[in-house]
Structure formats: C-alpha cells, structure tokens
C-alpha cells in the first residue's frame, strides 16, 4: 500500500522539485503541494496523509508550529522538517518534540527517498550534517564549561555564586570575612577570566555552570 505524502513549502519550485523525487517510487504518492501553511493545515486535517514534508521557514506558521498544530488536531502523520539551515537549537528542538526526520533542502534524491522510507517504517532519520551540528555544539558547550570552571579558584567560585545569588560586594565581604577591596579584586579577576564586563554576565555564567540551586 502506498504511503501518502503532503509537501508544504512556500517556494513552489523547490516543492515541485522535491515532489519529482518520488515519481519513480511506487511505494509513495505525493497527494498535494501547498505553499500556504494555513491552507495546508486545513487540508491535512481532511486528507490525513501518512507523511508531511514541511519547510521550516515559512510566513505566519513555521514548519515546527505546523506540525504542533497538526498534532493538536489529534492527527499524527510521520513528519520531516526541510531547511536550508543547520542550527543546533532547531535540530535539538525537533528531536525533543519527536519530529521524525530532518533534512537539508540541498540533499539529493537518494537521501530524500532514504529519509522518507525510514520514517514511513517508524524510524527517525536526521541527516548526518544535522547530527554533526548537534554533537559539535554540545562538545563546544562542554569544553567551554570545563575551561571556565578549571580557571577559577575555590574563593572565586564562592564569590561568583554569591554574586549570582544577589549579594552586594559589602555583603559578600561580611559573609566570607574578607576585606571589601579583596572582594572587589576577586570580582575583577572573575570578569577577566570569564570574559564578561558586568554582573549580568557573571550571573549567566553561574547558571550555565550549575552553581545555583
């Protein structure tokens, strides 16, 4: 039995080009192409395709929002995000909400077919470049976090935590039984080591480092 597909992309030529990929594959049938995601949403509710291929960047409703609205209507097709961008936060978002596939638009016919075949069979398919972006971003965050932690002394970590908790320089000095000038010196050292120039920057780093409860 053929798996039915709806393609949603506000660039008609791109959508038509993708549709052609499936013409020689009898196991798939492209039911319709929609440029307007709102129109697509209404039709998806009626047609109930097996698979939705949707552009990420579209006016009014983006691809992720479209998928969420489809699911909210208690329709659960397999879903593939198409995009020209490889953004770590977007890839992670798609994984978190269990979107089945993620493909760059410049993928070749073979990868499109491979992706749709995989999701049709209940597997996730994220392009290798998308997963490399995710892994590379995670490693950079981990590396940055370790470097920042390792460069700080025990006293600097204490002061960073107290600054993030909202204590003033005077209050920190009294709490740690050190001179105000010493506290100020530590704060300056913190800003230099962490490459920030204000308290907000220190608070952000403290949160990233997990120093706050």
C-alpha atoms as a PDB file:
ATOM      1  CA  UNK A   1       0.000   0.000   0.000  1.00  0.00           C
ATOM      2  CA  UNK A   2       1.353   3.426  -0.963  1.00  0.00           C
ATOM      3  CA  UNK A   3       2.417   5.892   1.700  1.00  0.00           C
ATOM      4  CA  UNK A   4       0.803   9.263   1.052  1.00  0.00           C
ATOM      5  CA  UNK A   5       2.789  12.496   1.299  1.00  0.00           C
ATOM      6  CA  UNK A   6       1.893  16.173   1.567  1.00  0.00           C
ATOM      7  CA  UNK A   7       4.626  18.739   0.887  1.00  0.00           C
ATOM      8  CA  UNK A   8       4.373  22.201   2.453  1.00  0.00           C
ATOM      9  CA  UNK A   9       6.805  24.826   1.167  1.00  0.00           C
ATOM     10  CA  UNK A  10       6.221  28.463   0.264  1.00  0.00           C
ATOM     11  CA  UNK A  11       8.776  28.122  -2.536  1.00  0.00           C
ATOM     12  CA  UNK A  12       6.775  26.353  -5.243  1.00  0.00           C
ATOM     13  CA  UNK A  13       9.723  25.420  -7.467  1.00  0.00           C
ATOM     14  CA  UNK A  14      11.500  23.820  -4.530  1.00  0.00           C
ATOM     15  CA  UNK A  15       8.382  21.862  -3.581  1.00  0.00           C
ATOM     16  CA  UNK A  16       7.839  20.696  -7.152  1.00  0.00           C
ATOM     17  CA  UNK A  17      11.453  19.572  -7.373  1.00  0.00           C
ATOM     18  CA  UNK A  18      11.062  17.523  -4.195  1.00  0.00           C
ATOM     19  CA  UNK A  19       7.825  16.004  -5.477  1.00  0.00           C
ATOM     20  CA  UNK A  20       9.633  14.762  -8.601  1.00  0.00           C
ATOM     21  CA  UNK A  21      11.938  12.684  -6.407  1.00  0.00           C
ATOM     22  CA  UNK A  22       9.017  10.383  -5.626  1.00  0.00           C
ATOM     23  CA  UNK A  23       7.601   9.952  -9.143  1.00  0.00           C
ATOM     24  CA  UNK A  24       9.556   6.781  -9.880  1.00  0.00           C
ATOM     25  CA  UNK A  25       9.000   5.252  -6.448  1.00  0.00           C
ATOM     26  CA  UNK A  26       5.661   3.475  -6.496  1.00  0.00           C
ATOM     27  CA  UNK A  27       5.599   2.966  -2.756  1.00  0.00           C
ATOM     28  CA  UNK A  28       4.999   6.708  -2.293  1.00  0.00           C
ATOM     29  CA  UNK A  29       2.331   9.081  -3.557  1.00  0.00           C
ATOM     30  CA  UNK A  30       2.553  12.873  -3.284  1.00  0.00           C
ATOM     31  CA  UNK A  31      -1.068  13.834  -2.655  1.00  0.00           C
ATOM     32  CA  UNK A  32      -0.640  17.598  -2.820  1.00  0.00           C
ATOM     33  CA  UNK A  33       1.772  20.529  -2.565  1.00  0.00           C
ATOM     34  CA  UNK A  34       0.825  23.595  -0.528  1.00  0.00           C
ATOM     35  CA  UNK A  35       2.572  26.961  -0.471  1.00  0.00           C
ATOM     36  CA  UNK A  36       0.364  28.355   2.306  1.00  0.00           C
ATOM     37  CA  UNK A  37       0.871  26.529   5.627  1.00  0.00           C
ATOM     38  CA  UNK A  38      -2.546  27.624   6.892  1.00  0.00           C
ATOM     39  CA  UNK A  39      -4.243  26.109   3.849  1.00  0.00           C
ATOM     40  CA  UNK A  40      -2.067  23.038   4.284  1.00  0.00           C
ATOM     41  CA  UNK A  41      -3.212  22.690   7.894  1.00  0.00           C
ATOM     42  CA  UNK A  42      -6.873  22.661   6.871  1.00  0.00           C
ATOM     43  CA  UNK A  43      -6.258  20.102   4.109  1.00  0.00           C
ATOM     44  CA  UNK A  44      -4.087  17.856   6.265  1.00  0.00           C
ATOM     45  CA  UNK A  45      -6.999  17.540   8.685  1.00  0.00           C
ATOM     46  CA  UNK A  46      -9.161  16.289   5.822  1.00  0.00           C
ATOM     47  CA  UNK A  47      -6.677  14.208   3.826  1.00  0.00           C
ATOM     48  CA  UNK A  48      -4.768  12.688   6.764  1.00  0.00           C
ATOM     49  CA  UNK A  49      -1.540  11.886   4.882  1.00  0.00           C
ATOM     50  CA  UNK A  50       0.921   9.315   6.144  1.00  0.00           C
ATOM     51  CA  UNK A  51       3.855  11.733   5.910  1.00  0.00           C
ATOM     52  CA  UNK A  52       4.281  15.515   5.942  1.00  0.00           C
ATOM     53  CA  UNK A  53       7.384  17.125   4.449  1.00  0.00           C
ATOM     54  CA  UNK A  54       7.412  20.757   5.533  1.00  0.00           C
ATOM     55  CA  UNK A  55       9.732  23.687   5.089  1.00  0.00           C
ATOM     56  CA  UNK A  56      10.953  25.149   8.374  1.00  0.00           C
ATOM     57  CA  UNK A  57      10.938  28.849   7.472  1.00  0.00           C
ATOM     58  CA  UNK A  58       7.511  29.972   6.296  1.00  0.00           C
ATOM     59  CA  UNK A  59       5.431  33.105   6.948  1.00  0.00           C
ATOM     60  CA  UNK A  60       2.715  33.103   9.634  1.00  0.00           C
ATOM     61  CA  UNK A  61       3.261  29.446  10.636  1.00  0.00           C
ATOM     62  CA  UNK A  62       6.693  27.844  10.519  1.00  0.00           C
ATOM     63  CA  UNK A  63       7.218  24.136   9.964  1.00  0.00           C
ATOM     64  CA  UNK A  64       7.511  23.208  13.638  1.00  0.00           C
ATOM     65  CA  UNK A  65       4.377  25.184  14.502  1.00  0.00           C
ATOM     66  CA  UNK A  66       2.517  23.495  11.651  1.00  0.00           C
ATOM     67  CA  UNK A  67       3.431  20.073  12.971  1.00  0.00           C
ATOM     68  CA  UNK A  68       2.399  21.036  16.502  1.00  0.00           C
ATOM     69  CA  UNK A  69      -0.988  22.284  15.216  1.00  0.00           C
ATOM     70  CA  UNK A  70      -1.495  19.064  13.268  1.00  0.00           C
ATOM     71  CA  UNK A  71      -0.801  17.017  16.381  1.00  0.00           C
ATOM     72  CA  UNK A  72      -3.116  19.234  18.431  1.00  0.00           C
ATOM     73  CA  UNK A  73      -5.881  18.227  15.992  1.00  0.00           C
ATOM     74  CA  UNK A  74      -5.214  14.605  17.021  1.00  0.00           C
ATOM     75  CA  UNK A  75      -3.616  13.752  13.663  1.00  0.00           C
ATOM     76  CA  UNK A  76      -0.272  12.014  13.864  1.00  0.00           C
ATOM     77  CA  UNK A  77       1.450  11.599  10.493  1.00  0.00           C
ATOM     78  CA  UNK A  78       5.164  11.000  10.215  1.00  0.00           C
ATOM     79  CA  UNK A  79       6.921  14.353   9.950  1.00  0.00           C
ATOM     80  CA  UNK A  80      10.042  15.634   8.205  1.00  0.00           C
ATOM     81  CA  UNK A  81      11.463  19.152   8.550  1.00  0.00           C
ATOM     82  CA  UNK A  82      13.154  20.601   5.452  1.00  0.00           C
ATOM     83  CA  UNK A  83      15.501  23.549   5.827  1.00  0.00           C
ATOM     84  CA  UNK A  84      18.447  25.418   4.362  1.00  0.00           C
ATOM     85  CA  UNK A  85      19.803  25.986   7.869  1.00  0.00           C
ATOM     86  CA  UNK A  86      21.705  23.682  10.190  1.00  0.00           C
ATOM     87  CA  UNK A  87      21.066  25.332  13.530  1.00  0.00           C
ATOM     88  CA  UNK A  88      21.863  23.349  16.683  1.00  0.00           C
ATOM     89  CA  UNK A  89      18.936  24.740  18.680  1.00  0.00           C
ATOM     90  CA  UNK A  90      16.478  23.901  15.886  1.00  0.00           C
ATOM     91  CA  UNK A  91      17.818  20.356  15.474  1.00  0.00           C
ATOM     92  CA  UNK A  92      17.576  19.842  19.241  1.00  0.00           C
ATOM     93  CA  UNK A  93      14.024  21.241  19.303  1.00  0.00           C
ATOM     94  CA  UNK A  94      12.981  18.825  16.554  1.00  0.00           C
ATOM     95  CA  UNK A  95      14.474  15.896  18.456  1.00  0.00           C
ATOM     96  CA  UNK A  96      12.867  17.000  21.718  1.00  0.00           C
ATOM     97  CA  UNK A  97       9.361  17.103  20.227  1.00  0.00           C
ATOM     98  CA  UNK A  98       9.942  13.844  18.347  1.00  0.00           C
ATOM     99  CA  UNK A  99       9.829  15.061  14.764  1.00  0.00           C
ATOM    100  CA  UNK A 100      10.729  12.014  12.696  1.00  0.00           C
ATOM    101  CA  UNK A 101      13.086  13.457  10.116  1.00  0.00           C
ATOM    102  CA  UNK A 102      15.349  16.449   9.470  1.00  0.00           C
ATOM    103  CA  UNK A 103      16.798  17.106   6.014  1.00  0.00           C
ATOM    104  CA  UNK A 104      18.735  19.971   4.440  1.00  0.00           C
ATOM    105  CA  UNK A 105      16.943  21.110   1.289  1.00  0.00           C
ATOM    106  CA  UNK A 106      20.081  20.581  -0.769  1.00  0.00           C
ATOM    107  CA  UNK A 107      20.020  16.836  -0.045  1.00  0.00           C
ATOM    108  CA  UNK A 108      19.991  14.651  -3.144  1.00  0.00           C
ATOM    109  CA  UNK A 109      17.152  12.400  -4.337  1.00  0.00           C
ATOM    110  CA  UNK A 110      18.712   9.345  -2.742  1.00  0.00           C
ATOM    111  CA  UNK A 111      18.716  10.910   0.715  1.00  0.00           C
ATOM    112  CA  UNK A 112      15.142  12.185   0.366  1.00  0.00           C
ATOM    113  CA  UNK A 113      13.940   8.695  -0.502  1.00  0.00           C
ATOM    114  CA  UNK A 114      16.070   7.147   2.228  1.00  0.00           C
ATOM    115  CA  UNK A 115      14.698   9.583   4.804  1.00  0.00           C
ATOM    116  CA  UNK A 116      11.031   9.159   3.858  1.00  0.00           C
ATOM    117  CA  UNK A 117      11.381   5.387   3.657  1.00  0.00           C
ATOM    118  CA  UNK A 118      12.929   5.324   7.143  1.00  0.00           C
ATOM    119  CA  UNK A 119      10.253   7.473   8.791  1.00  0.00           C
ATOM    120  CA  UNK A 120       7.495   5.548   6.994  1.00  0.00           C
ATOM    121  CA  UNK A 121       8.855   2.420   8.697  1.00  0.00           C
ATOM    122  CA  UNK A 122       8.812   4.059  12.119  1.00  0.00           C
ATOM    123  CA  UNK A 123      12.446   5.109  12.373  1.00  0.00           C
ATOM    124  CA  UNK A 124      13.929   8.564  12.867  1.00  0.00           C
ATOM    125  CA  UNK A 125      16.150   9.931  10.113  1.00  0.00           C
ATOM    126  CA  UNK A 126      18.253  13.016  10.775  1.00  0.00           C
ATOM    127  CA  UNK A 127      20.774  13.971   8.102  1.00  0.00           C
ATOM    128  CA  UNK A 128      24.367  13.367   9.116  1.00  0.00           C
ATOM    129  CA  UNK A 129      25.172  17.077   8.864  1.00  0.00           C
ATOM    130  CA  UNK A 130      22.340  17.879  11.261  1.00  0.00           C
ATOM    131  CA  UNK A 131      23.617  15.400  13.841  1.00  0.00           C
ATOM    132  CA  UNK A 132      27.180  16.649  13.419  1.00  0.00           C
ATOM    133  CA  UNK A 133      25.927  20.172  14.148  1.00  0.00           C
ATOM    134  CA  UNK A 134      24.225  18.919  17.308  1.00  0.00           C
ATOM    135  CA  UNK A 135      27.234  16.955  18.548  1.00  0.00           C
ATOM    136  CA  UNK A 136      29.698  19.718  17.696  1.00  0.00           C
ATOM    137  CA  UNK A 137      27.602  22.277  19.564  1.00  0.00           C
ATOM    138  CA  UNK A 138      27.344  20.033  22.622  1.00  0.00           C
ATOM    139  CA  UNK A 139      31.097  19.482  22.664  1.00  0.00           C
ATOM    140  CA  UNK A 140      31.752  23.215  22.414  1.00  0.00           C
ATOM    141  CA  UNK A 141      29.428  23.896  25.332  1.00  0.00           C
ATOM    142  CA  UNK A 142      31.054  21.161  27.392  1.00  0.00           C
ATOM    143  CA  UNK A 143      34.554  22.350  26.537  1.00  0.00           C
ATOM    144  CA  UNK A 144      33.706  25.963  27.379  1.00  0.00           C
ATOM    145  CA  UNK A 145      32.127  24.966  30.672  1.00  0.00           C
ATOM    146  CA  UNK A 146      35.117  22.894  31.751  1.00  0.00           C
ATOM    147  CA  UNK A 147      37.561  25.628  30.848  1.00  0.00           C
ATOM    148  CA  UNK A 148      35.685  28.245  32.844  1.00  0.00           C
ATOM    149  CA  UNK A 149      35.398  26.010  35.899  1.00  0.00           C
ATOM    150  CA  UNK A 150      39.024  24.968  35.835  1.00  0.00           C
ATOM    151  CA  UNK A 151      40.312  28.527  35.675  1.00  0.00           C
ATOM    152  CA  UNK A 152      38.554  29.638  38.852  1.00  0.00           C
ATOM    153  CA  UNK A 153      39.953  29.287  42.348  1.00  0.00           C
ATOM    154  CA  UNK A 154      37.789  27.970  45.173  1.00  0.00           C
ATOM    155  CA  UNK A 155      37.371  31.521  46.509  1.00  0.00           C
ATOM    156  CA  UNK A 156      36.407  32.840  43.082  1.00  0.00           C
ATOM    157  CA  UNK A 157      33.775  30.118  42.764  1.00  0.00           C
ATOM    158  CA  UNK A 158      32.362  31.126  46.141  1.00  0.00           C
ATOM    159  CA  UNK A 159      32.212  34.782  45.135  1.00  0.00           C
ATOM    160  CA  UNK A 160      30.731  34.002  41.726  1.00  0.00           C
ATOM    161  CA  UNK A 161      27.965  32.004  43.414  1.00  0.00           C
ATOM    162  CA  UNK A 162      27.207  34.780  45.895  1.00  0.00           C
ATOM    163  CA  UNK A 163      27.173  37.435  43.167  1.00  0.00           C
ATOM    164  CA  UNK A 164      24.695  35.326  41.221  1.00  0.00           C
ATOM    165  CA  UNK A 165      22.557  34.967  44.340  1.00  0.00           C
ATOM    166  CA  UNK A 166      22.282  38.749  44.526  1.00  0.00           C
ATOM    167  CA  UNK A 167      24.684  39.632  47.328  1.00  0.00           C
ATOM    168  CA  UNK A 168      26.432  43.025  47.171  1.00  0.00           C
ATOM    169  CA  UNK A 169      30.204  43.422  47.441  1.00  0.00           C
ATOM    170  CA  UNK A 170      29.862  44.526  51.081  1.00  0.00           C
ATOM    171  CA  UNK A 171      27.581  41.607  51.941  1.00  0.00           C
ATOM    172  CA  UNK A 172      29.951  39.136  50.293  1.00  0.00           C
ATOM    173  CA  UNK A 173      32.863  40.587  52.251  1.00  0.00           C
ATOM    174  CA  UNK A 174      30.987  40.202  55.529  1.00  0.00           C
ATOM    175  CA  UNK A 175      29.818  36.683  54.670  1.00  0.00           C
ATOM    176  CA  UNK A 176      33.313  35.483  53.755  1.00  0.00           C
ATOM    177  CA  UNK A 177      35.121  37.560  56.414  1.00  0.00           C
ATOM    178  CA  UNK A 178      37.357  39.320  53.893  1.00  0.00           C
ATOM    179  CA  UNK A 179      38.016  42.974  53.085  1.00  0.00           C
ATOM    180  CA  UNK A 180      35.773  44.812  50.612  1.00  0.00           C
ATOM    181  CA  UNK A 181      38.830  45.613  48.497  1.00  0.00           C
ATOM    182  CA  UNK A 182      39.705  41.888  48.378  1.00  0.00           C
ATOM    183  CA  UNK A 183      36.199  41.060  47.203  1.00  0.00           C
ATOM    184  CA  UNK A 184      36.445  43.741  44.525  1.00  0.00           C
ATOM    185  CA  UNK A 185      39.755  42.282  43.364  1.00  0.00           C
ATOM    186  CA  UNK A 186      38.222  38.809  43.088  1.00  0.00           C
ATOM    187  CA  UNK A 187      35.252  40.182  41.128  1.00  0.00           C
ATOM    188  CA  UNK A 188      37.566  41.889  38.647  1.00  0.00           C
ATOM    189  CA  UNK A 189      39.539  38.668  38.269  1.00  0.00           C
ATOM    190  CA  UNK A 190      36.303  36.762  37.661  1.00  0.00           C
ATOM    191  CA  UNK A 191      35.232  39.143  34.909  1.00  0.00           C
ATOM    192  CA  UNK A 192      38.624  38.891  33.237  1.00  0.00           C
ATOM    193  CA  UNK A 193      38.753  35.083  33.379  1.00  0.00           C
ATOM    194  CA  UNK A 194      35.157  34.666  32.228  1.00  0.00           C
ATOM    195  CA  UNK A 195      35.322  37.402  29.556  1.00  0.00           C
ATOM    196  CA  UNK A 196      32.330  39.359  30.871  1.00  0.00           C
ATOM    197  CA  UNK A 197      32.078  43.009  31.890  1.00  0.00           C
ATOM    198  CA  UNK A 198      29.074  43.185  34.214  1.00  0.00           C
ATOM    199  CA  UNK A 199      27.156  41.354  36.923  1.00  0.00           C
ATOM    200  CA  UNK A 200      24.577  40.055  34.434  1.00  0.00           C
ATOM    201  CA  UNK A 201      27.393  38.265  32.622  1.00  0.00           C
ATOM    202  CA  UNK A 202      28.584  36.666  35.858  1.00  0.00           C
ATOM    203  CA  UNK A 203      25.054  35.515  36.679  1.00  0.00           C
ATOM    204  CA  UNK A 204      24.677  33.960  33.227  1.00  0.00           C
ATOM    205  CA  UNK A 205      27.927  32.021  33.651  1.00  0.00           C
ATOM    206  CA  UNK A 206      26.903  30.854  37.140  1.00  0.00           C
ATOM    207  CA  UNK A 207      23.649  29.487  35.743  1.00  0.00           C
ATOM    208  CA  UNK A 208      25.444  27.757  32.849  1.00  0.00           C
ATOM    209  CA  UNK A 209      27.941  26.224  35.259  1.00  0.00           C
ATOM    210  CA  UNK A 210      25.178  24.915  37.532  1.00  0.00           C
ATOM    211  CA  UNK A 211      26.388  26.861  40.552  1.00  0.00           C
ATOM    212  CA  UNK A 212      22.879  27.857  41.617  1.00  0.00           C
ATOM    213  CA  UNK A 213      20.358  25.550  43.233  1.00  0.00           C
END
